[in-house]
């Protein structure tokens, strides 16, 4: 029987017969018994296939181990204790601010606004205007400045410099201007911003 088209007895794939052939081949070698060419060829092929299979299995195992090792590596690093502590502190601060706003203890960021109130003439009582403005209460005004100034303009006319601390979300320059004009529109010629800063 020729062997040019088949590697094993039953074709080109390994079967139980080839396993038996390999065992018989090993026994005959030890007993110095004559071996048929087909048996020798099949045994050699079987031995070669086993070696190839073992090599592939080893390579696959190595690749799987390497992949597992890569999976275990954290390329971006893990959060250290300082990062965790900082994140926790930020979360606690935000929660405290939220609770304070909810309880009405805080109304957001504040600004100090200094306005210059210029009257129509020198007869306008700026001290009376300052006194009246400081009595104005509004949810957007934290407080009016305790002090105010009368600054000279020209021809005996002076202007009133008065300040207020306001909550940015509720009050601003336009709001203060409307309050002043609403109370003293007949006496005030102009209102300008002298200074403004965050508190």
C-alpha atoms as a PDB file:
ATOM      1  CA  UNK A   1       0.000   0.000   0.000  1.00  0.00           C
ATOM      2  CA  UNK A   2       1.518   3.358  -1.041  1.00  0.00           C
ATOM      3  CA  UNK A   3       1.938   6.286   1.273  1.00  0.00           C
ATOM      4  CA  UNK A   4       2.249   9.162  -1.184  1.00  0.00           C
ATOM      5  CA  UNK A   5      -1.302  10.452  -0.636  1.00  0.00           C
ATOM      6  CA  UNK A   6      -1.885   9.555   3.020  1.00  0.00           C
ATOM      7  CA  UNK A   7       0.091  10.266   6.160  1.00  0.00           C
ATOM      8  CA  UNK A   8      -1.803   7.712   8.286  1.00  0.00           C
ATOM      9  CA  UNK A   9      -3.574   4.409   7.720  1.00  0.00           C
ATOM     10  CA  UNK A  10      -6.967   6.092   7.529  1.00  0.00           C
ATOM     11  CA  UNK A  11      -5.983   9.280   5.690  1.00  0.00           C
ATOM     12  CA  UNK A  12      -4.207  12.503   6.683  1.00  0.00           C
ATOM     13  CA  UNK A  13      -5.705  12.825  10.150  1.00  0.00           C
ATOM     14  CA  UNK A  14      -4.705  11.099  13.331  1.00  0.00           C
ATOM     15  CA  UNK A  15      -6.968   8.292  14.624  1.00  0.00           C
ATOM     16  CA  UNK A  16      -6.961   5.607  17.294  1.00  0.00           C
ATOM     17  CA  UNK A  17      -5.160   3.247  14.911  1.00  0.00           C
ATOM     18  CA  UNK A  18      -2.194   5.625  14.772  1.00  0.00           C
ATOM     19  CA  UNK A  19      -2.004   5.763  18.553  1.00  0.00           C
ATOM     20  CA  UNK A  20      -1.775   1.943  18.552  1.00  0.00           C
ATOM     21  CA  UNK A  21       0.838   2.053  15.807  1.00  0.00           C
ATOM     22  CA  UNK A  22       3.033   4.368  17.832  1.00  0.00           C
ATOM     23  CA  UNK A  23       2.809   2.049  20.832  1.00  0.00           C
ATOM     24  CA  UNK A  24       3.602  -1.017  18.693  1.00  0.00           C
ATOM     25  CA  UNK A  25       6.443   0.815  17.015  1.00  0.00           C
ATOM     26  CA  UNK A  26       8.049   1.638  20.350  1.00  0.00           C
ATOM     27  CA  UNK A  27       7.727  -2.000  21.475  1.00  0.00           C
ATOM     28  CA  UNK A  28       9.198  -3.393  18.252  1.00  0.00           C
ATOM     29  CA  UNK A  29      12.184  -1.092  18.436  1.00  0.00           C
ATOM     30  CA  UNK A  30      12.988  -2.475  21.837  1.00  0.00           C
ATOM     31  CA  UNK A  31      12.452  -6.075  20.649  1.00  0.00           C
ATOM     32  CA  UNK A  32      14.460  -5.607  17.416  1.00  0.00           C
ATOM     33  CA  UNK A  33      11.491  -6.776  15.332  1.00  0.00           C
ATOM     34  CA  UNK A  34      11.127  -5.949  11.645  1.00  0.00           C
ATOM     35  CA  UNK A  35       8.934  -2.865  11.070  1.00  0.00           C
ATOM     36  CA  UNK A  36       6.835  -2.298   7.963  1.00  0.00           C
ATOM     37  CA  UNK A  37       7.439   1.012   6.096  1.00  0.00           C
ATOM     38  CA  UNK A  38       3.824   2.089   6.553  1.00  0.00           C
ATOM     39  CA  UNK A  39       4.088   1.582  10.295  1.00  0.00           C
ATOM     40  CA  UNK A  40       7.328   3.534  10.462  1.00  0.00           C
ATOM     41  CA  UNK A  41       5.910   6.377   8.357  1.00  0.00           C
ATOM     42  CA  UNK A  42       2.726   6.577  10.406  1.00  0.00           C
ATOM     43  CA  UNK A  43       4.646   6.495  13.663  1.00  0.00           C
ATOM     44  CA  UNK A  44       6.994   9.248  12.554  1.00  0.00           C
ATOM     45  CA  UNK A  45       4.053  11.430  11.462  1.00  0.00           C
ATOM     46  CA  UNK A  46       2.283  10.790  14.743  1.00  0.00           C
ATOM     47  CA  UNK A  47       5.346  11.695  16.727  1.00  0.00           C
ATOM     48  CA  UNK A  48       5.823  14.858  14.667  1.00  0.00           C
ATOM     49  CA  UNK A  49       2.192  15.887  15.164  1.00  0.00           C
ATOM     50  CA  UNK A  50       2.472  15.372  18.905  1.00  0.00           C
ATOM     51  CA  UNK A  51       5.534  17.600  19.007  1.00  0.00           C
ATOM     52  CA  UNK A  52       3.789  20.283  16.949  1.00  0.00           C
ATOM     53  CA  UNK A  53       0.702  20.117  19.149  1.00  0.00           C
ATOM     54  CA  UNK A  54       2.788  20.419  22.286  1.00  0.00           C
ATOM     55  CA  UNK A  55       4.604  23.427  20.809  1.00  0.00           C
ATOM     56  CA  UNK A  56       1.368  25.155  19.825  1.00  0.00           C
ATOM     57  CA  UNK A  57      -0.174  24.435  23.205  1.00  0.00           C
ATOM     58  CA  UNK A  58       2.873  25.888  24.937  1.00  0.00           C
ATOM     59  CA  UNK A  59       2.780  28.987  22.762  1.00  0.00           C
ATOM     60  CA  UNK A  60      -0.942  29.468  23.390  1.00  0.00           C
ATOM     61  CA  UNK A  61      -0.433  29.070  27.105  1.00  0.00           C
ATOM     62  CA  UNK A  62       2.388  31.614  27.035  1.00  0.00           C
ATOM     63  CA  UNK A  63       0.281  34.079  25.051  1.00  0.00           C
ATOM     64  CA  UNK A  64      -2.632  33.684  27.456  1.00  0.00           C
ATOM     65  CA  UNK A  65      -0.332  34.262  30.411  1.00  0.00           C
ATOM     66  CA  UNK A  66       1.105  37.367  28.763  1.00  0.00           C
ATOM     67  CA  UNK A  67      -2.394  38.660  28.035  1.00  0.00           C
ATOM     68  CA  UNK A  68      -3.426  38.092  31.640  1.00  0.00           C
ATOM     69  CA  UNK A  69      -0.314  39.936  32.739  1.00  0.00           C
ATOM     70  CA  UNK A  70      -1.179  42.857  30.446  1.00  0.00           C
ATOM     71  CA  UNK A  71      -4.705  42.923  31.837  1.00  0.00           C
ATOM     72  CA  UNK A  72      -3.317  43.148  35.335  1.00  0.00           C
ATOM     73  CA  UNK A  73      -1.213  46.174  34.394  1.00  0.00           C
ATOM     74  CA  UNK A  74      -2.874  49.535  35.021  1.00  0.00           C
ATOM     75  CA  UNK A  75      -1.367  51.793  32.380  1.00  0.00           C
ATOM     76  CA  UNK A  76      -2.994  54.888  33.818  1.00  0.00           C
ATOM     77  CA  UNK A  77      -2.205  54.197  37.427  1.00  0.00           C
ATOM     78  CA  UNK A  78      -4.627  53.955  40.294  1.00  0.00           C
ATOM     79  CA  UNK A  79      -5.944  56.631  42.582  1.00  0.00           C
ATOM     80  CA  UNK A  80      -3.591  57.149  45.469  1.00  0.00           C
ATOM     81  CA  UNK A  81      -4.595  58.102  48.953  1.00  0.00           C
ATOM     82  CA  UNK A  82      -4.061  61.829  48.342  1.00  0.00           C
ATOM     83  CA  UNK A  83      -6.380  61.843  45.313  1.00  0.00           C
ATOM     84  CA  UNK A  84      -9.057  59.991  47.238  1.00  0.00           C
ATOM     85  CA  UNK A  85      -8.734  62.359  50.203  1.00  0.00           C
ATOM     86  CA  UNK A  86      -8.916  65.426  47.947  1.00  0.00           C
ATOM     87  CA  UNK A  87     -11.985  64.115  46.155  1.00  0.00           C
ATOM     88  CA  UNK A  88     -13.663  63.365  49.465  1.00  0.00           C
ATOM     89  CA  UNK A  89     -12.858  66.841  50.826  1.00  0.00           C
ATOM     90  CA  UNK A  90     -14.263  68.477  47.689  1.00  0.00           C
ATOM     91  CA  UNK A  91     -17.422  66.404  47.915  1.00  0.00           C
ATOM     92  CA  UNK A  92     -17.896  67.333  51.572  1.00  0.00           C
ATOM     93  CA  UNK A  93     -17.338  71.044  50.875  1.00  0.00           C
ATOM     94  CA  UNK A  94     -19.840  71.039  48.015  1.00  0.00           C
ATOM     95  CA  UNK A  95     -22.368  69.237  50.175  1.00  0.00           C
ATOM     96  CA  UNK A  96     -21.867  71.791  52.977  1.00  0.00           C
ATOM     97  CA  UNK A  97     -22.319  74.718  50.581  1.00  0.00           C
ATOM     98  CA  UNK A  98     -25.444  73.151  49.145  1.00  0.00           C
ATOM     99  CA  UNK A  99     -26.871  72.610  52.609  1.00  0.00           C
ATOM    100  CA  UNK A 100     -26.048  76.204  53.587  1.00  0.00           C
ATOM    101  CA  UNK A 101     -27.774  77.595  50.528  1.00  0.00           C
ATOM    102  CA  UNK A 102     -30.781  75.396  51.171  1.00  0.00           C
ATOM    103  CA  UNK A 103     -30.985  76.596  54.747  1.00  0.00           C
ATOM    104  CA  UNK A 104     -30.753  80.220  53.649  1.00  0.00           C
ATOM    105  CA  UNK A 105     -27.345  80.744  55.248  1.00  0.00           C
ATOM    106  CA  UNK A 106     -25.712  81.680  51.974  1.00  0.00           C
ATOM    107  CA  UNK A 107     -26.805  83.252  48.709  1.00  0.00           C
ATOM    108  CA  UNK A 108     -23.817  82.646  46.491  1.00  0.00           C
ATOM    109  CA  UNK A 109     -20.899  84.907  45.624  1.00  0.00           C
ATOM    110  CA  UNK A 110     -20.800  88.519  46.773  1.00  0.00           C
ATOM    111  CA  UNK A 111     -19.433  91.780  45.429  1.00  0.00           C
ATOM    112  CA  UNK A 112     -18.604  95.153  46.932  1.00  0.00           C
ATOM    113  CA  UNK A 113     -19.955  97.974  44.771  1.00  0.00           C
ATOM    114  CA  UNK A 114     -19.087 101.623  45.327  1.00  0.00           C
ATOM    115  CA  UNK A 115     -21.368 104.085  43.525  1.00  0.00           C
ATOM    116  CA  UNK A 116     -21.032 107.793  42.906  1.00  0.00           C
ATOM    117  CA  UNK A 117     -24.340 109.636  43.073  1.00  0.00           C
ATOM    118  CA  UNK A 118     -24.246 113.077  41.472  1.00  0.00           C
ATOM    119  CA  UNK A 119     -27.114 115.522  42.264  1.00  0.00           C
ATOM    120  CA  UNK A 120     -28.617 118.170  39.990  1.00  0.00           C
ATOM    121  CA  UNK A 121     -27.492 121.076  42.159  1.00  0.00           C
ATOM    122  CA  UNK A 122     -25.667 122.032  45.309  1.00  0.00           C
ATOM    123  CA  UNK A 123     -28.922 122.341  47.240  1.00  0.00           C
ATOM    124  CA  UNK A 124     -29.511 118.581  47.282  1.00  0.00           C
ATOM    125  CA  UNK A 125     -29.015 117.095  50.726  1.00  0.00           C
ATOM    126  CA  UNK A 126     -26.686 114.177  50.023  1.00  0.00           C
ATOM    127  CA  UNK A 127     -26.472 113.258  53.694  1.00  0.00           C
ATOM    128  CA  UNK A 128     -30.201 112.714  53.735  1.00  0.00           C
ATOM    129  CA  UNK A 129     -29.977 110.562  50.595  1.00  0.00           C
ATOM    130  CA  UNK A 130     -27.208 108.441  52.158  1.00  0.00           C
ATOM    131  CA  UNK A 131     -29.227 108.020  55.348  1.00  0.00           C
ATOM    132  CA  UNK A 132     -32.307 106.986  53.382  1.00  0.00           C
ATOM    133  CA  UNK A 133     -30.458 104.497  51.174  1.00  0.00           C
ATOM    134  CA  UNK A 134     -28.936 102.736  54.169  1.00  0.00           C
ATOM    135  CA  UNK A 135     -32.418 101.972  55.406  1.00  0.00           C
ATOM    136  CA  UNK A 136     -33.302 100.150  52.190  1.00  0.00           C
ATOM    137  CA  UNK A 137     -33.507  96.394  52.678  1.00  0.00           C
ATOM    138  CA  UNK A 138     -33.432  93.869  49.841  1.00  0.00           C
ATOM    139  CA  UNK A 139     -32.708  90.138  49.680  1.00  0.00           C
ATOM    140  CA  UNK A 140     -29.907  90.880  47.222  1.00  0.00           C
ATOM    141  CA  UNK A 141     -28.225  93.419  49.514  1.00  0.00           C
ATOM    142  CA  UNK A 142     -26.178  92.023  52.366  1.00  0.00           C
ATOM    143  CA  UNK A 143     -25.468  95.454  53.837  1.00  0.00           C
ATOM    144  CA  UNK A 144     -24.755  99.075  52.985  1.00  0.00           C
ATOM    145  CA  UNK A 145     -21.381 100.523  53.912  1.00  0.00           C
ATOM    146  CA  UNK A 146     -21.299 102.151  57.356  1.00  0.00           C
ATOM    147  CA  UNK A 147     -19.357 105.093  55.978  1.00  0.00           C
ATOM    148  CA  UNK A 148     -19.956 107.305  52.966  1.00  0.00           C
ATOM    149  CA  UNK A 149     -18.163 110.295  51.492  1.00  0.00           C
ATOM    150  CA  UNK A 150     -19.076 113.609  49.906  1.00  0.00           C
ATOM    151  CA  UNK A 151     -16.631 114.378  47.121  1.00  0.00           C
ATOM    152  CA  UNK A 152     -16.330 117.786  45.440  1.00  0.00           C
ATOM    153  CA  UNK A 153     -17.306 118.046  41.764  1.00  0.00           C
ATOM    154  CA  UNK A 154     -17.433 121.720  40.697  1.00  0.00           C
ATOM    155  CA  UNK A 155     -19.158 125.037  41.484  1.00  0.00           C
ATOM    156  CA  UNK A 156     -19.890 123.934  45.042  1.00  0.00           C
ATOM    157  CA  UNK A 157     -21.575 120.740  43.891  1.00  0.00           C
ATOM    158  CA  UNK A 158     -20.584 117.512  45.571  1.00  0.00           C
ATOM    159  CA  UNK A 159     -21.313 113.865  44.819  1.00  0.00           C
ATOM    160  CA  UNK A 160     -22.096 111.024  47.200  1.00  0.00           C
ATOM    161  CA  UNK A 161     -19.835 107.956  47.303  1.00  0.00           C
ATOM    162  CA  UNK A 162     -21.730 105.099  48.909  1.00  0.00           C
ATOM    163  CA  UNK A 163     -21.059 101.375  48.992  1.00  0.00           C
ATOM    164  CA  UNK A 164     -22.995  98.138  49.370  1.00  0.00           C
ATOM    165  CA  UNK A 165     -22.177  94.441  49.548  1.00  0.00           C
ATOM    166  CA  UNK A 166     -24.536  92.509  47.293  1.00  0.00           C
ATOM    167  CA  UNK A 167     -25.230  88.904  46.337  1.00  0.00           C
ATOM    168  CA  UNK A 168     -24.286  88.551  42.678  1.00  0.00           C
ATOM    169  CA  UNK A 169     -27.175  86.258  41.798  1.00  0.00           C
ATOM    170  CA  UNK A 170     -29.747  88.660  43.231  1.00  0.00           C
ATOM    171  CA  UNK A 171     -28.379  92.169  42.884  1.00  0.00           C
ATOM    172  CA  UNK A 172     -25.960  94.179  40.771  1.00  0.00           C
ATOM    173  CA  UNK A 173     -25.173  97.700  39.585  1.00  0.00           C
ATOM    174  CA  UNK A 174     -28.406  97.957  37.615  1.00  0.00           C
ATOM    175  CA  UNK A 175     -30.451  96.880  40.615  1.00  0.00           C
ATOM    176  CA  UNK A 176     -28.830  99.429  42.936  1.00  0.00           C
ATOM    177  CA  UNK A 177     -29.271 102.138  40.324  1.00  0.00           C
ATOM    178  CA  UNK A 178     -32.971 101.360  40.061  1.00  0.00           C
ATOM    179  CA  UNK A 179     -33.336 101.549  43.843  1.00  0.00           C
ATOM    180  CA  UNK A 180     -31.641 104.962  44.031  1.00  0.00           C
ATOM    181  CA  UNK A 181     -33.557 106.377  41.085  1.00  0.00           C
ATOM    182  CA  UNK A 182     -36.798 104.989  42.447  1.00  0.00           C
ATOM    183  CA  UNK A 183     -36.362 106.823  45.760  1.00  0.00           C
ATOM    184  CA  UNK A 184     -34.475 109.948  44.687  1.00  0.00           C
ATOM    185  CA  UNK A 185     -34.924 110.209  40.933  1.00  0.00           C
ATOM    186  CA  UNK A 186     -35.908 113.879  41.145  1.00  0.00           C
ATOM    187  CA  UNK A 187     -32.702 114.830  42.975  1.00  0.00           C
ATOM    188  CA  UNK A 188     -30.154 112.603  41.186  1.00  0.00           C
ATOM    189  CA  UNK A 189     -28.528 113.597  37.891  1.00  0.00           C
ATOM    190  CA  UNK A 190     -26.342 110.506  37.344  1.00  0.00           C
ATOM    191  CA  UNK A 191     -25.093 107.337  39.015  1.00  0.00           C
ATOM    192  CA  UNK A 192     -21.677 105.891  38.155  1.00  0.00           C
ATOM    193  CA  UNK A 193     -19.601 102.973  39.369  1.00  0.00           C
ATOM    194  CA  UNK A 194     -16.501 104.083  41.258  1.00  0.00           C
ATOM    195  CA  UNK A 195     -15.251 100.617  42.143  1.00  0.00           C
ATOM    196  CA  UNK A 196     -16.326  97.004  42.183  1.00  0.00           C
ATOM    197  CA  UNK A 197     -14.650  93.909  43.613  1.00  0.00           C
ATOM    198  CA  UNK A 198     -15.389  90.387  44.798  1.00  0.00           C
ATOM    199  CA  UNK A 199     -15.779  89.851  48.517  1.00  0.00           C
END
